[in-house]
Amino acid sequence: MRGGRRRTLERTGAGGAGLRRPRQGPGDAPDELAWQALAPGIELVALPPKGGDAWPGTSGVSLVRMDPGTVAPRHTHAGIEATVIVRGGFADELGQYEEGDAWIVDASVTHAPVALPGEPCLCLVYLEAPLKPVGDRHVASI
């Protein structure tokens, strides 16, 4: 995806009702995972491919959890970022995203997501390449 385009995938049902959830998985018991602090109010857990191999190149898949009201450091992308909201939601300069929403952004997008009030925001994130921080608040990339 190039040229400042952003693609949004629609939910499969109202409130994500059409999404299938595993009986026991990261969305059901997120506190049992090995979370690592990324920034104040933001944690992640890397998800390796089945079998323990590495993802190709510098790509990776993670669960990211943000406390309500937390502002993520402003960043852009060195490649594609695909995100699915598992629980909660967040807003950025491009819109508001809630449970069941999915979208893809590319290197033309710079944003600073803010977790919505209420419950923590839990996202499944695929990064083709590490994030690129913008401004003074630098953190390790997911």
Foldseek 3Di string as FASTA:
>chain_A
DDDFDKDKDDAPDVVNVVPDDDPDDCLVCVVPADWDDFDVQKIKDWDAPPVRDHDPDAKTKMKMKGAAFDKAAKWFAPFKKKKAWCAFWWAWPVGTDGHRIIMMGTRVDIIIITTHPDGITIMIMIHPHFIGGDDDDDTGTD
